[in-house]
């Protein structure tokens, strides 16, 4: 599997990295950790250069996040309310919760977009409230690109340093990722089962 991914990345080149990273942020086919990690291995083998690799990967990440930003911008804050009120139990939140998040985002939006770039799942979904809050496009692009540049550089660097040993981490990263997903699903099911609307 490792050689297959490395060969695919080498054949696709920097454009392939861009497309994979963009897709990963819209509908994750392969985690960014794998894409950039194996990109780093390709760089260690002389098939790519580190600087263009990280820049193209970061551009792809930013492009993918723009998709969710546009969705949030078009959906808008108030148009989201009927959906929350109808599906509050499954979302395990009420409109008041959305208001709190929105107010917090208005006060701290910029650094939230930056910091969330280092958190699994949230690094993509933070783009939705950014769009709903009508965060200036230039500011969204700046914080997204800056955070993604650091994270992608770290991942590519790890792949470069570890080289072929990076593939050995798959046997640990796979079960760990499944465990985290199962835990998150369990927490969500518990919240759905115990959720009650606030008393007015």
Protein backbone atom coordinates (compact mmCIF):
# COMPACT_ATOMS: atom_id res chain seq x y z
CA UNK A 1 0.00 0.00 0.00
CA UNK A 2 2.84 2.35 0.88
CA UNK A 3 4.59 1.91 -2.46
CA UNK A 4 1.28 2.35 -4.30
CA UNK A 5 0.58 5.71 -2.62
CA UNK A 6 4.17 6.87 -3.16
CA UNK A 7 4.00 5.92 -6.83
CA UNK A 8 0.64 7.69 -7.22
CA UNK A 9 1.98 10.85 -5.59
CA UNK A 10 5.14 10.75 -7.72
CA UNK A 11 3.08 10.38 -10.90
CA UNK A 12 0.61 13.10 -9.95
CA UNK A 13 3.38 15.48 -8.95
CA UNK A 14 2.64 18.75 -7.21
CA UNK A 15 -0.73 19.10 -8.96
CA UNK A 16 -1.69 15.68 -7.59
CA UNK A 17 -0.74 16.84 -4.08
CA UNK A 18 -2.87 19.97 -4.58
CA UNK A 19 -5.91 17.96 -5.71
CA UNK A 20 -5.60 15.37 -2.92
CA UNK A 21 -5.26 18.04 -0.23
CA UNK A 22 -8.23 19.99 -1.63
CA UNK A 23 -10.39 16.85 -1.68
CA UNK A 24 -9.23 15.89 1.80
CA UNK A 25 -10.74 19.11 3.13
CA UNK A 26 -14.04 18.70 1.27
CA UNK A 27 -14.61 14.96 1.59
CA UNK A 28 -11.60 13.20 3.14
CA UNK A 29 -10.59 10.25 0.90
CA UNK A 30 -7.10 10.09 2.44
CA UNK A 31 -6.05 11.99 5.61
CA UNK A 32 -3.68 14.94 5.13
CA UNK A 33 -1.24 13.23 7.49
CA UNK A 34 -0.84 10.42 4.96
CA UNK A 35 -0.71 12.67 1.90
CA UNK A 36 1.90 15.08 3.21
CA UNK A 37 3.76 12.36 5.09
CA UNK A 38 4.23 10.30 1.95
CA UNK A 39 4.97 13.48 0.04
CA UNK A 40 7.87 13.98 2.46
CA UNK A 41 9.07 10.44 1.73
CA UNK A 42 8.94 11.21 -2.00
CA UNK A 43 11.04 14.31 -1.31
CA UNK A 44 13.55 12.21 0.63
CA UNK A 45 13.82 9.93 -2.41
CA UNK A 46 14.51 12.89 -4.67
CA UNK A 47 11.17 12.65 -6.48
CA UNK A 48 10.00 16.04 -5.18
CA UNK A 49 11.40 19.18 -3.60
CA UNK A 50 10.25 20.11 -0.10
CA UNK A 51 9.40 23.78 -0.64
CA UNK A 52 7.10 23.29 -3.68
CA UNK A 53 5.61 20.22 -1.99
CA UNK A 54 4.58 22.18 1.11
CA UNK A 55 3.39 25.20 -0.89
CA UNK A 56 1.26 23.15 -3.28
CA UNK A 57 -0.13 21.10 -0.41
CA UNK A 58 -1.00 24.25 1.52
CA UNK A 59 -2.63 25.80 -1.53
CA UNK A 60 -4.77 22.66 -1.87
CA UNK A 61 -5.71 22.80 1.81
CA UNK A 62 -6.73 26.43 1.47
CA UNK A 63 -8.78 25.73 -1.66
CA UNK A 64 -10.65 22.91 0.08
CA UNK A 65 -11.46 25.13 3.05
CA UNK A 66 -12.75 27.87 0.76
CA UNK A 67 -15.49 25.42 -0.27
CA UNK A 68 -16.86 25.25 3.29
CA UNK A 69 -16.36 28.99 3.77
CA UNK A 70 -18.54 29.66 0.70
CA UNK A 71 -21.18 27.19 1.96
CA UNK A 72 -21.31 29.02 5.30
CA UNK A 73 -21.39 32.42 3.59
CA UNK A 74 -24.28 31.45 1.32
CA UNK A 75 -26.19 29.65 4.06
CA UNK A 76 -25.92 32.60 6.43
CA UNK A 77 -26.46 32.86 10.14
CA UNK A 78 -30.24 33.22 10.31
CA UNK A 79 -31.00 30.67 7.59
CA UNK A 80 -29.25 28.08 9.77
CA UNK A 81 -31.73 28.60 12.61
CA UNK A 82 -34.68 26.50 11.29
CA UNK A 83 -32.31 23.57 10.73
CA UNK A 84 -30.98 23.76 14.30
CA UNK A 85 -34.44 24.09 15.81
CA UNK A 86 -35.70 21.08 13.84
CA UNK A 87 -32.72 18.79 14.42
CA UNK A 88 -31.54 20.05 17.81
CA UNK A 89 -31.47 16.61 19.40
CA UNK A 90 -29.25 15.10 16.69
CA UNK A 91 -26.99 18.13 16.75
CA UNK A 92 -27.11 18.04 20.58
CA UNK A 93 -27.43 21.81 20.69
CA UNK A 94 -29.97 24.62 20.61
CA UNK A 95 -29.99 27.94 18.84
CA UNK A 96 -28.59 29.61 21.96
CA UNK A 97 -25.49 27.44 21.62
CA UNK A 98 -25.05 28.61 18.04
CA UNK A 99 -25.38 32.22 19.19
CA UNK A 100 -22.69 31.73 21.83
CA UNK A 101 -20.32 30.20 19.28
CA UNK A 102 -21.09 32.97 16.80
CA UNK A 103 -20.40 35.73 19.33
CA UNK A 104 -17.20 34.02 20.40
CA UNK A 105 -16.17 33.70 16.75
CA UNK A 106 -16.81 37.40 16.10
CA UNK A 107 -14.46 38.27 18.96
CA UNK A 108 -11.74 35.70 18.29
CA UNK A 109 -12.37 34.50 14.72
CA UNK A 110 -8.91 35.06 13.27
CA UNK A 111 -6.82 33.10 15.72
CA UNK A 112 -9.50 30.37 15.92
CA UNK A 113 -9.11 29.66 12.19
CA UNK A 114 -5.34 29.57 12.69
CA UNK A 115 -5.28 27.34 15.80
CA UNK A 116 -7.94 24.93 14.53
CA UNK A 117 -5.69 24.12 11.56
CA UNK A 118 -3.79 21.83 13.94
CA UNK A 119 -6.86 19.90 15.14
CA UNK A 120 -8.32 16.85 13.34
CA UNK A 121 -11.82 17.34 11.86
CA UNK A 122 -12.20 20.83 13.37
CA UNK A 123 -9.52 22.21 11.06
CA UNK A 124 -11.96 21.83 8.17
CA UNK A 125 -15.28 22.50 9.89
CA UNK A 126 -14.09 25.83 11.37
CA UNK A 127 -14.45 27.21 7.84
CA UNK A 128 -18.25 26.89 8.03
CA UNK A 129 -18.79 29.30 10.95
CA UNK A 130 -16.14 31.57 9.43
CA UNK A 131 -18.33 31.92 6.36
CA UNK A 132 -21.52 32.26 8.41
CA UNK A 133 -19.89 35.07 10.40
CA UNK A 134 -19.00 36.79 7.10
CA UNK A 135 -15.33 36.84 8.09
CA UNK A 136 -13.42 38.94 5.52
CA UNK A 137 -12.14 36.69 2.74
CA UNK A 138 -8.59 38.01 2.90
CA UNK A 139 -8.41 37.38 6.64
CA UNK A 140 -9.83 33.86 6.27
CA UNK A 141 -7.34 33.03 3.50
CA UNK A 142 -4.43 34.50 5.46
CA UNK A 143 -5.11 32.59 8.70
CA UNK A 144 -5.97 29.36 6.87
CA UNK A 145 -2.85 29.48 4.70
CA UNK A 146 -0.59 30.39 7.64
CA UNK A 147 -1.85 27.59 9.89
CA UNK A 148 -1.87 25.05 7.06
CA UNK A 149 1.66 26.01 6.01
CA UNK A 150 3.02 25.18 9.47
CA UNK A 151 1.05 21.93 9.82
CA UNK A 152 1.80 20.67 6.31
CA UNK A 153 5.45 21.59 6.72
CA UNK A 154 5.57 19.55 9.91
CA UNK A 155 3.92 16.53 8.26
CA UNK A 156 6.15 16.67 5.18
CA UNK A 157 9.20 17.16 7.39
CA UNK A 158 8.26 14.13 9.48
CA UNK A 159 7.90 12.03 6.33
CA UNK A 160 11.26 13.30 5.07
CA UNK A 161 13.08 12.53 8.32
CA UNK A 162 11.47 9.16 8.94
CA UNK A 163 11.84 8.11 5.32
CA UNK A 164 10.83 4.52 4.72
CA UNK A 165 10.15 4.04 8.43
CA UNK A 166 7.09 6.27 8.03
CA UNK A 167 5.25 3.29 6.52
CA UNK A 168 5.83 1.34 9.74
CA UNK A 169 3.72 3.89 11.62
CA UNK A 170 0.65 2.86 9.63
CA UNK A 171 0.11 -0.18 11.84
CA UNK A 172 -0.19 2.14 14.84
CA UNK A 173 -1.87 5.16 13.26
CA UNK A 174 -4.69 3.05 11.76
CA UNK A 175 -5.95 1.49 15.03
CA UNK A 176 -5.40 4.80 16.86
CA UNK A 177 -7.52 6.66 14.31
CA UNK A 178 -10.27 4.02 14.56
CA UNK A 179 -10.18 4.21 18.36
CA UNK A 180 -10.53 7.99 18.37
CA UNK A 181 -13.42 7.78 15.89
CA UNK A 182 -15.25 5.13 17.96
CA UNK A 183 -14.75 7.22 21.12
CA UNK A 184 -16.11 10.35 19.43
CA UNK A 185 -19.11 8.39 18.10
CA UNK A 186 -19.80 6.97 21.57
CA UNK A 187 -19.73 10.44 23.13
CA UNK A 188 -22.10 11.75 20.48
CA UNK A 189 -24.56 8.85 20.97
CA UNK A 190 -24.51 9.45 24.72
CA UNK A 191 -25.25 13.15 24.20
CA UNK A 192 -28.14 12.32 21.84
CA UNK A 193 -29.62 9.84 24.30
CA UNK A 194 -29.37 12.21 27.29
CA UNK A 195 -30.10 15.50 25.47
CA UNK A 196 -32.91 17.64 26.84
CA UNK A 197 -34.00 21.13 25.77
CA UNK A 198 -33.28 23.88 28.28
CA UNK A 199 -36.15 25.03 30.42
CA UNK A 200 -37.40 28.45 29.35
